[in-house]
Structures are given as C-alpha cells and as structure tokens.
N, C-alpha and C. Protein backbone atom coordinates (compact mmCIF):
# COMPACT_ATOMS: atom_id res chain seq x y z
N MET A 1 -14.27 29.86 -3.77
CA MET A 1 -12.98 29.85 -3.11
C MET A 1 -12.71 31.20 -2.44
N ALA A 2 -13.16 32.28 -3.07
CA ALA A 2 -12.96 33.61 -2.48
C ALA A 2 -13.65 33.70 -1.12
N ASP A 3 -14.84 33.09 -0.99
CA ASP A 3 -15.54 33.08 0.30
C ASP A 3 -14.74 32.33 1.35
N ASN A 4 -14.16 31.21 0.98
CA ASN A 4 -13.34 30.45 1.92
C ASN A 4 -12.10 31.22 2.35
N ILE A 5 -11.52 31.96 1.43
CA ILE A 5 -10.35 32.78 1.76
C ILE A 5 -10.75 33.89 2.73
N ARG A 6 -11.92 34.49 2.50
CA ARG A 6 -12.41 35.53 3.43
C ARG A 6 -12.65 34.96 4.83
N LYS A 7 -13.12 33.74 4.91
CA LYS A 7 -13.40 33.10 6.20
C LYS A 7 -12.14 32.90 7.04
N VAL A 8 -10.98 32.86 6.40
CA VAL A 8 -9.73 32.72 7.14
C VAL A 8 -8.94 34.04 7.12
N ASN A 9 -9.70 35.14 7.03
CA ASN A 9 -9.16 36.50 7.12
C ASN A 9 -8.23 36.89 5.97
N GLY A 10 -8.51 36.40 4.79
CA GLY A 10 -7.77 36.79 3.60
C GLY A 10 -8.67 37.52 2.63
N HIS A 11 -8.13 37.91 1.51
CA HIS A 11 -8.94 38.55 0.48
C HIS A 11 -8.29 38.33 -0.89
N VAL A 12 -9.12 38.40 -1.90
CA VAL A 12 -8.66 38.33 -3.28
C VAL A 12 -9.21 39.57 -3.97
N SER A 13 -8.32 40.40 -4.47
CA SER A 13 -8.74 41.65 -5.11
C SER A 13 -7.69 42.09 -6.11
N LYS A 14 -7.95 43.22 -6.74
CA LYS A 14 -6.98 43.75 -7.70
C LYS A 14 -5.65 44.10 -7.03
N ASP A 15 -5.66 44.20 -5.71
CA ASP A 15 -4.43 44.52 -4.99
C ASP A 15 -3.46 43.34 -4.90
N ASN A 16 -3.98 42.11 -4.98
CA ASN A 16 -3.09 40.96 -4.82
C ASN A 16 -3.23 39.92 -5.94
N VAL A 17 -3.90 40.28 -7.03
CA VAL A 17 -3.94 39.44 -8.22
C VAL A 17 -3.35 40.25 -9.37
N HIS A 18 -2.31 39.72 -9.99
CA HIS A 18 -1.58 40.47 -11.00
C HIS A 18 -1.53 39.69 -12.32
N CYS A 19 -1.91 40.34 -13.40
CA CYS A 19 -1.81 39.76 -14.74
C CYS A 19 -0.57 40.35 -15.40
N VAL A 20 0.37 39.47 -15.73
CA VAL A 20 1.64 39.93 -16.29
C VAL A 20 2.04 39.04 -17.46
N ARG A 21 2.98 39.53 -18.26
CA ARG A 21 3.59 38.70 -19.30
C ARG A 21 4.67 37.86 -18.64
N CYS A 22 4.66 36.57 -18.92
CA CYS A 22 5.62 35.65 -18.31
C CYS A 22 6.55 35.06 -19.36
N VAL A 23 7.72 34.67 -18.92
CA VAL A 23 8.70 34.02 -19.78
C VAL A 23 8.54 32.51 -19.59
N GLY A 24 8.69 31.75 -20.65
CA GLY A 24 8.56 30.30 -20.57
C GLY A 24 7.11 29.89 -20.72
N ASN A 25 6.79 28.69 -20.25
CA ASN A 25 5.43 28.18 -20.43
C ASN A 25 4.62 28.17 -19.14
N MET A 26 5.04 28.94 -18.17
CA MET A 26 4.31 29.08 -16.91
C MET A 26 2.98 29.80 -17.17
N THR A 27 1.90 29.35 -16.50
CA THR A 27 0.60 29.98 -16.70
C THR A 27 0.15 30.81 -15.51
N GLY A 28 0.81 30.63 -14.38
CA GLY A 28 0.45 31.39 -13.19
C GLY A 28 1.33 30.98 -12.03
N GLY A 29 1.11 31.64 -10.91
CA GLY A 29 1.89 31.31 -9.73
C GLY A 29 1.34 31.97 -8.49
N PHE A 30 1.85 31.52 -7.37
CA PHE A 30 1.47 32.06 -6.07
C PHE A 30 2.73 32.53 -5.38
N ILE A 31 2.70 33.73 -4.82
CA ILE A 31 3.84 34.30 -4.12
C ILE A 31 3.53 34.25 -2.63
N PRO A 32 4.07 33.24 -1.93
CA PRO A 32 3.69 33.04 -0.53
C PRO A 32 4.10 34.17 0.42
N GLU A 33 5.15 34.90 0.08
CA GLU A 33 5.62 35.96 0.99
C GLU A 33 4.54 37.00 1.24
N ASP A 34 3.78 37.35 0.21
CA ASP A 34 2.74 38.37 0.41
C ASP A 34 1.34 37.88 0.02
N GLY A 35 1.23 36.62 -0.38
CA GLY A 35 -0.08 36.07 -0.72
C GLY A 35 -0.61 36.50 -2.08
N SER A 36 0.27 37.00 -2.94
CA SER A 36 -0.17 37.46 -4.26
C SER A 36 -0.33 36.30 -5.24
N ILE A 37 -1.25 36.49 -6.16
CA ILE A 37 -1.49 35.55 -7.24
C ILE A 37 -1.05 36.21 -8.55
N VAL A 38 -0.33 35.46 -9.36
CA VAL A 38 0.12 35.95 -10.66
C VAL A 38 -0.53 35.09 -11.74
N LEU A 39 -1.12 35.74 -12.74
CA LEU A 39 -1.66 35.06 -13.91
C LEU A 39 -0.86 35.52 -15.12
N CYS A 40 -0.43 34.58 -15.94
CA CYS A 40 0.40 34.90 -17.10
C CYS A 40 -0.48 35.16 -18.32
N GLN A 41 -0.70 36.42 -18.61
CA GLN A 41 -1.63 36.82 -19.66
C GLN A 41 -1.26 36.29 -21.03
N ASN A 42 0.01 36.08 -21.28
CA ASN A 42 0.44 35.62 -22.60
C ASN A 42 0.42 34.10 -22.74
N GLN A 43 0.04 33.38 -21.69
CA GLN A 43 0.01 31.92 -21.75
C GLN A 43 -1.39 31.33 -21.60
N LEU A 44 -2.34 32.12 -21.13
CA LEU A 44 -3.69 31.61 -20.89
C LEU A 44 -4.47 31.59 -22.20
N ARG A 45 -5.02 30.42 -22.56
CA ARG A 45 -5.61 30.20 -23.88
C ARG A 45 -7.09 30.57 -23.97
N SER A 46 -7.78 30.61 -22.83
CA SER A 46 -9.22 30.86 -22.87
C SER A 46 -9.68 31.32 -21.49
N LYS A 47 -10.92 31.74 -21.43
CA LYS A 47 -11.50 32.15 -20.15
C LYS A 47 -11.47 30.98 -19.16
N GLY A 48 -11.82 29.79 -19.64
CA GLY A 48 -11.81 28.61 -18.78
C GLY A 48 -10.43 28.28 -18.26
N HIS A 49 -9.42 28.40 -19.12
CA HIS A 49 -8.03 28.16 -18.71
C HIS A 49 -7.62 29.16 -17.63
N CYS A 50 -8.02 30.42 -17.82
CA CYS A 50 -7.73 31.46 -16.83
C CYS A 50 -8.42 31.14 -15.50
N GLU A 51 -9.69 30.75 -15.57
CA GLU A 51 -10.45 30.43 -14.35
C GLU A 51 -9.84 29.24 -13.62
N ASP A 52 -9.42 28.22 -14.36
CA ASP A 52 -8.78 27.05 -13.73
C ASP A 52 -7.50 27.44 -13.02
N ASN A 53 -6.69 28.28 -13.67
CA ASN A 53 -5.44 28.72 -13.05
C ASN A 53 -5.70 29.59 -11.83
N MET A 54 -6.68 30.47 -11.93
CA MET A 54 -7.03 31.33 -10.80
C MET A 54 -7.47 30.47 -9.61
N ALA A 55 -8.32 29.49 -9.86
CA ALA A 55 -8.78 28.60 -8.79
C ALA A 55 -7.61 27.85 -8.16
N HIS A 56 -6.70 27.37 -8.99
CA HIS A 56 -5.52 26.65 -8.49
C HIS A 56 -4.71 27.53 -7.54
N GLU A 57 -4.43 28.74 -7.97
CA GLU A 57 -3.63 29.64 -7.14
C GLU A 57 -4.38 30.09 -5.89
N MET A 58 -5.70 30.20 -5.99
CA MET A 58 -6.49 30.56 -4.82
C MET A 58 -6.45 29.46 -3.76
N VAL A 59 -6.36 28.20 -4.17
CA VAL A 59 -6.20 27.12 -3.20
C VAL A 59 -4.89 27.29 -2.45
N HIS A 60 -3.82 27.66 -3.15
CA HIS A 60 -2.55 27.93 -2.48
C HIS A 60 -2.69 29.08 -1.48
N ALA A 61 -3.42 30.11 -1.87
CA ALA A 61 -3.64 31.25 -0.96
C ALA A 61 -4.40 30.79 0.28
N PHE A 62 -5.43 29.97 0.09
CA PHE A 62 -6.20 29.44 1.22
C PHE A 62 -5.30 28.59 2.12
N ASP A 63 -4.52 27.68 1.53
CA ASP A 63 -3.64 26.82 2.32
C ASP A 63 -2.66 27.64 3.14
N ARG A 64 -2.14 28.71 2.56
CA ARG A 64 -1.19 29.58 3.28
C ARG A 64 -1.84 30.14 4.53
N LEU A 65 -3.09 30.60 4.40
CA LEU A 65 -3.78 31.22 5.52
C LEU A 65 -4.31 30.20 6.53
N ARG A 66 -4.92 29.15 6.05
CA ARG A 66 -5.60 28.19 6.92
C ARG A 66 -4.63 27.25 7.63
N PHE A 67 -3.61 26.79 6.91
CA PHE A 67 -2.72 25.77 7.46
C PHE A 67 -1.31 26.27 7.73
N ASN A 68 -1.09 27.58 7.53
CA ASN A 68 0.24 28.16 7.74
C ASN A 68 1.30 27.34 7.00
N THR A 69 1.06 27.11 5.73
CA THR A 69 1.95 26.29 4.90
C THR A 69 3.35 26.88 4.88
N ASP A 70 4.33 26.02 5.13
CA ASP A 70 5.74 26.40 5.03
C ASP A 70 6.21 26.01 3.64
N TRP A 71 6.31 26.98 2.74
CA TRP A 71 6.61 26.69 1.34
C TRP A 71 8.04 26.22 1.13
N SER A 72 8.90 26.37 2.13
CA SER A 72 10.26 25.84 2.01
C SER A 72 10.32 24.38 2.46
N ASN A 73 9.23 23.88 3.04
CA ASN A 73 9.13 22.48 3.46
C ASN A 73 8.53 21.68 2.29
N LEU A 74 9.31 20.80 1.71
CA LEU A 74 8.84 20.06 0.53
C LEU A 74 7.60 19.23 0.81
N ARG A 75 7.43 18.74 2.03
CA ARG A 75 6.22 17.98 2.37
C ARG A 75 4.99 18.87 2.32
N HIS A 76 5.10 20.08 2.85
CA HIS A 76 3.98 21.03 2.81
C HIS A 76 3.63 21.37 1.36
N HIS A 77 4.67 21.69 0.60
CA HIS A 77 4.46 22.08 -0.80
C HIS A 77 3.84 20.92 -1.59
N ALA A 78 4.37 19.73 -1.40
CA ALA A 78 3.84 18.56 -2.11
C ALA A 78 2.40 18.29 -1.71
N CYS A 79 2.07 18.47 -0.46
CA CYS A 79 0.71 18.20 0.02
C CYS A 79 -0.31 19.08 -0.70
N THR A 80 -0.02 20.36 -0.81
CA THR A 80 -0.98 21.25 -1.47
C THR A 80 -1.08 20.93 -2.96
N GLU A 81 0.02 20.56 -3.60
CA GLU A 81 -0.02 20.23 -5.03
C GLU A 81 -0.75 18.90 -5.26
N VAL A 82 -0.51 17.91 -4.41
CA VAL A 82 -1.19 16.63 -4.56
C VAL A 82 -2.70 16.80 -4.35
N CYS A 83 -3.08 17.59 -3.37
CA CYS A 83 -4.51 17.85 -3.15
C CYS A 83 -5.13 18.50 -4.37
N LEU A 84 -4.44 19.43 -4.98
CA LEU A 84 -4.96 20.08 -6.18
C LEU A 84 -5.08 19.10 -7.34
N GLN A 85 -4.12 18.19 -7.48
CA GLN A 85 -4.21 17.18 -8.53
C GLN A 85 -5.41 16.28 -8.30
N PHE A 86 -5.64 15.90 -7.05
CA PHE A 86 -6.79 15.06 -6.72
C PHE A 86 -8.09 15.78 -7.06
N LEU A 87 -8.18 17.05 -6.72
CA LEU A 87 -9.39 17.82 -7.02
C LEU A 87 -9.63 17.94 -8.52
N SER A 88 -8.57 18.06 -9.29
CA SER A 88 -8.73 18.21 -10.73
C SER A 88 -9.19 16.91 -11.40
N LEU A 89 -8.99 15.77 -10.74
CA LEU A 89 -9.43 14.49 -11.28
C LEU A 89 -10.89 14.19 -10.98
N SER A 90 -11.42 14.87 -9.97
CA SER A 90 -12.81 14.56 -9.57
C SER A 90 -13.82 15.40 -10.28
C-alpha cells in the first residue's frame, strides 16, 4: 500500500503516522486535513491487529490522494468504508 501511496505523490513515514493513547475503543483513524494516520497504542492487541489497522488507514490515505475524497460527503465516506469491508471479506 505504501508503494501505491507513493505513486500518487504521497508518503507514509514517522512524520505522518502517530501512535497515541486513545480514549474509548477506537483503534485508529485517518485525519484527512493533513493525511495523518493515528494508531491507538492502548487498543491494539497484537502485531497483526496493528498491521490490519495500519493497512485500513493507508487505504483512506490513498483514496484521499487518488480520488480527492470529500470526507464531508457521506457518499464519498461510505464508498471508502464499504470498499474496505469488501476487501476484508476476500
């Protein structure tokens, strides 16, 4: 996924991936304003869980760059989430 992000002029590095303590049961998130990825260090149960969350958020980063996703448009937001659900089933 990092290669695909680079192909659309993006990057994934320590500058835009942040591991923080989160409140609630959230495991990660994507901040569309600056393209940052957040991983919730206190909620991730294993290396695999962390990798799955990182991959999920990287798809959001790719969609932001490739398709100029409007995160305030519920259709855009739903589209990226539905695609991720489909990928997780295959």
